[in-house]
Amino acid sequence: MRQRHKTSDSPKTSPTVQVVIAIIGALAVLGAALIANWDKLTSRRASNTISSAAGRAATTAAPPSVVAHTQGPQSPVVSEVGGNVTINVGTSDSTSSPFEGYWEARVDDIDGEYLSGMEIHVSGTVVSGLVDLKGQRSTLRDGKITGQELHFTTHGTGPQGEAEIRRYRGIVDSNAIRFTVEIDAPASKHRTLNFTATR
């Protein structure tokens, strides 16, 4: 009688199967943590509500443990919270400014018409970014937002090679910014440009 050589009884697993198994394991750990802390997420403290006798309005206050640990890069610590919990990730400046983004405009200047591009970044009321004028990139300086207006300056080279300063004032109008630019260049006459930039 002839004997066959047995190969390993354990099946070989592919890398994809191993990744799926690791993901399932991680989900199991998260599920176990959620179940273990479920009572902390669903319990209500009497001190979190104002009694109906005091004004007949039930208002929920955030417990001190929620407020106490929300600064810095760490995750907030939430304990003894009843009801829904919303966690927003990001900074308080996460709402987008209408000025934020890339803008293009056709500009008619003393040396002809050209396309200008602007990359505008807004953080609170501070504005930064770049302006591209005929291939010459200039950094936005002194950028700020005042009410519905955007203000910044750029330093660059004028049409005759002279140094010039451009002072921009923009007003957002729907999906466009209407710009007025005051240009000071010692070698050429002071001039004003008006144009509209779009996305």
Protein backbone atom coordinates (compact mmCIF):
# COMPACT_ATOMS: atom_id res chain seq x y z
CA MET A 1 0.00 0.00 0.00
CA ARG A 2 1.28 3.37 -0.98
CA GLN A 3 1.29 6.23 1.54
CA ARG A 4 0.63 9.76 0.51
CA HIS A 5 2.56 12.58 2.07
CA LYS A 6 0.21 14.91 3.84
CA THR A 7 0.62 18.62 3.43
CA SER A 8 -0.13 21.03 6.26
CA ASP A 9 -3.74 20.84 7.47
CA SER A 10 -3.90 24.58 8.18
CA PRO A 11 -5.02 26.63 5.19
CA LYS A 12 -2.82 29.49 4.04
CA THR A 13 -4.37 32.93 4.39
CA SER A 14 -3.84 35.73 1.94
CA PRO A 15 -2.78 39.23 3.08
CA THR A 16 -6.29 40.51 2.27
CA VAL A 17 -7.88 37.99 4.62
CA GLN A 18 -5.41 38.94 7.34
CA VAL A 19 -6.34 42.63 6.98
CA VAL A 20 -10.07 41.79 7.15
CA ILE A 21 -9.48 39.72 10.29
CA ALA A 22 -7.52 42.62 11.86
CA ILE A 23 -10.35 45.06 11.06
CA ILE A 24 -12.95 42.72 12.54
CA GLY A 25 -10.79 42.40 15.67
CA ALA A 26 -10.50 46.18 15.99
CA LEU A 27 -14.27 46.58 15.60
CA ALA A 28 -14.81 43.94 18.30
CA VAL A 29 -12.55 45.86 20.70
CA LEU A 30 -14.41 49.13 19.98
CA GLY A 31 -17.76 47.38 20.44
CA ALA A 32 -16.64 45.91 23.76
CA ALA A 33 -15.48 49.36 24.94
CA LEU A 34 -18.83 50.86 23.93
CA ILE A 35 -20.77 48.15 25.79
CA ALA A 36 -18.54 48.48 28.86
CA ASN A 37 -19.17 52.26 29.00
CA TRP A 38 -22.79 52.25 27.87
CA ASP A 39 -24.06 53.20 31.33
CA LYS A 40 -21.83 56.30 31.30
CA LEU A 41 -23.23 57.36 27.93
CA THR A 42 -26.89 56.82 28.77
CA SER A 43 -27.24 57.75 32.46
CA ARG A 44 -28.64 61.09 33.51
CA ARG A 45 -27.62 63.07 36.53
CA ALA A 46 -30.25 65.00 38.42
CA SER A 47 -27.90 67.99 38.60
CA ASN A 48 -27.90 68.26 34.81
CA THR A 49 -31.51 69.36 34.63
CA ILE A 50 -33.31 72.27 36.14
CA SER A 51 -36.49 71.13 37.81
CA SER A 52 -39.79 72.02 36.19
CA ALA A 53 -40.73 73.86 39.36
CA ALA A 54 -37.98 76.38 38.66
CA GLY A 55 -39.37 78.08 35.63
CA ARG A 56 -41.23 75.07 34.14
CA ALA A 57 -38.44 74.58 31.58
CA ALA A 58 -36.17 71.54 31.42
CA THR A 59 -32.75 72.63 30.26
CA THR A 60 -29.74 70.31 30.10
CA ALA A 61 -26.39 71.75 31.14
CA ALA A 62 -23.07 70.31 30.10
CA PRO A 63 -21.39 68.61 33.04
CA PRO A 64 -18.07 70.11 34.17
CA SER A 65 -16.18 67.03 32.95
CA VAL A 66 -17.12 67.83 29.34
CA VAL A 67 -15.96 71.41 29.49
CA ALA A 68 -12.88 70.84 31.62
CA HIS A 69 -10.90 68.71 29.15
CA THR A 70 -11.53 70.14 25.69
CA GLN A 71 -8.45 72.27 25.12
CA GLY A 72 -5.39 71.16 23.18
CA PRO A 73 -4.85 68.38 20.67
CA GLN A 74 -6.23 65.58 22.87
CA SER A 75 -9.74 64.19 22.54
CA PRO A 76 -12.35 65.60 24.92
CA VAL A 77 -13.18 63.49 27.96
CA VAL A 78 -16.92 62.82 28.15
CA SER A 79 -18.46 61.29 31.24
CA GLU A 80 -21.90 61.17 32.79
CA VAL A 81 -23.65 62.59 29.75
CA GLY A 82 -27.26 61.77 29.00
CA GLY A 83 -28.89 62.19 25.60
CA ASN A 84 -27.14 62.84 22.31
CA VAL A 85 -23.46 63.71 22.13
CA THR A 86 -21.99 65.66 19.18
CA ILE A 87 -18.25 65.98 18.75
CA ASN A 88 -17.01 68.50 16.17
CA VAL A 89 -13.51 67.90 14.88
CA GLY A 90 -11.49 70.93 13.80
CA THR A 91 -10.98 74.48 14.92
CA SER A 92 -13.51 77.20 15.57
CA ASP A 93 -12.47 78.72 12.22
CA SER A 94 -13.73 75.66 10.36
CA THR A 95 -16.60 77.60 8.81
CA SER A 96 -15.41 78.67 5.41
CA SER A 97 -15.05 82.35 4.60
CA PRO A 98 -16.65 83.51 1.34
CA PHE A 99 -13.21 84.89 0.38
CA GLU A 100 -11.42 81.53 0.83
CA GLY A 101 -10.17 79.73 -2.29
CA TYR A 102 -8.66 80.22 -5.72
CA TRP A 103 -9.87 83.18 -7.81
CA GLU A 104 -9.12 84.37 -11.36
CA ALA A 105 -9.64 87.76 -12.98
CA ARG A 106 -9.00 89.47 -16.30
CA VAL A 107 -7.18 92.71 -15.48
CA ASP A 108 -6.85 95.64 -17.91
CA ASP A 109 -3.71 97.61 -16.97
CA ILE A 110 -1.50 100.19 -18.76
CA ASP A 111 0.51 97.41 -20.42
CA GLY A 112 -2.56 95.52 -21.69
CA GLU A 113 -4.99 92.88 -20.46
CA TYR A 114 -3.78 89.82 -18.56
CA LEU A 115 -5.10 86.98 -16.43
CA SER A 116 -4.41 87.20 -12.68
CA GLY A 117 -4.79 84.30 -10.23
CA MET A 118 -5.22 84.60 -6.47
CA GLU A 119 -4.98 81.93 -3.77
CA ILE A 120 -6.67 83.35 -0.66
CA HIS A 121 -6.60 81.70 2.79
CA VAL A 122 -8.61 83.02 5.73
CA SER A 123 -8.12 82.26 9.42
CA GLY A 124 -10.55 84.29 11.50
CA THR A 125 -10.00 87.83 10.21
CA VAL A 126 -6.41 87.23 9.03
CA VAL A 127 -5.83 86.78 5.29
CA SER A 128 -2.82 85.13 3.63
CA GLY A 129 -2.01 83.70 0.21
CA LEU A 130 -0.48 84.52 -3.17
CA VAL A 131 -1.29 86.66 -6.20
CA ASP A 132 0.03 85.74 -9.65
CA LEU A 133 0.40 88.72 -11.99
CA LYS A 134 1.74 87.75 -15.42
CA GLY A 135 3.83 84.94 -13.92
CA GLN A 136 5.14 87.10 -11.05
CA ARG A 137 3.99 85.61 -7.74
CA SER A 138 3.60 87.96 -4.78
CA THR A 139 2.77 87.09 -1.17
CA LEU A 140 -0.25 88.79 0.36
CA ARG A 141 0.77 91.20 3.11
CA ASP A 142 -1.23 92.93 5.83
CA GLY A 143 -4.23 90.78 4.92
CA LYS A 144 -7.39 91.25 6.95
CA ILE A 145 -11.15 91.08 6.73
CA THR A 146 -13.15 94.04 8.00
CA GLY A 147 -16.89 93.41 7.90
CA GLN A 148 -17.68 92.30 4.34
CA GLU A 149 -14.42 93.68 2.91
CA LEU A 150 -11.10 92.02 2.21
CA HIS A 151 -7.90 94.10 2.36
CA PHE A 152 -4.29 93.18 1.50
CA THR A 153 -1.21 94.53 -0.23
CA THR A 154 1.40 93.04 -2.56
CA HIS A 155 4.87 94.22 -3.46
CA GLY A 156 6.14 93.56 -6.96
CA THR A 157 7.56 94.97 -10.17
CA GLY A 158 5.63 97.37 -12.40
CA PRO A 159 5.34 97.44 -16.21
CA GLN A 160 8.59 99.42 -16.58
CA GLY A 161 10.58 97.32 -14.10
CA GLU A 162 10.00 99.66 -11.16
CA ALA A 163 9.02 98.55 -7.66
CA GLU A 164 5.34 98.94 -6.98
CA ILE A 165 2.90 98.42 -4.14
CA ARG A 166 -0.66 97.28 -4.86
CA ARG A 167 -3.35 97.86 -2.22
CA TYR A 168 -6.33 95.57 -2.77
CA ARG A 169 -9.85 96.09 -1.45
CA GLY A 170 -12.39 93.40 -2.31
CA ILE A 171 -16.09 93.03 -1.64
CA VAL A 172 -17.70 89.62 -2.02
CA ASP A 173 -20.69 89.64 -4.36
CA SER A 174 -22.39 86.23 -4.67
CA ASN A 175 -19.68 83.98 -6.18
CA ALA A 176 -17.35 86.84 -7.15
CA ILE A 177 -15.12 89.44 -5.53
CA ARG A 178 -15.23 93.00 -6.86
CA PHE A 179 -11.72 94.45 -6.45
CA THR A 180 -10.44 98.01 -6.42
CA VAL A 181 -6.64 98.14 -6.51
CA GLU A 182 -4.62 101.28 -5.78
CA ILE A 183 -1.15 101.05 -7.37
CA ASP A 184 1.81 103.14 -6.20
CA ALA A 185 4.95 102.99 -8.31
CA PRO A 186 7.56 105.77 -8.15
CA ALA A 187 8.48 105.51 -11.85
CA SER A 188 4.89 105.58 -13.13
CA LYS A 189 1.74 107.52 -12.37
CA HIS A 190 -0.48 106.40 -9.48
CA ARG A 191 -3.36 104.40 -10.92
CA THR A 192 -6.50 102.54 -9.87
CA LEU A 193 -7.73 99.25 -11.32
CA ASN A 194 -11.22 97.79 -11.00
CA PHE A 195 -11.95 94.17 -11.85
CA THR A 196 -14.03 91.20 -10.75
CA ALA A 197 -12.49 87.86 -9.73
CA THR A 198 -14.43 84.59 -10.02
CA ARG A 199 -13.78 81.02 -8.93
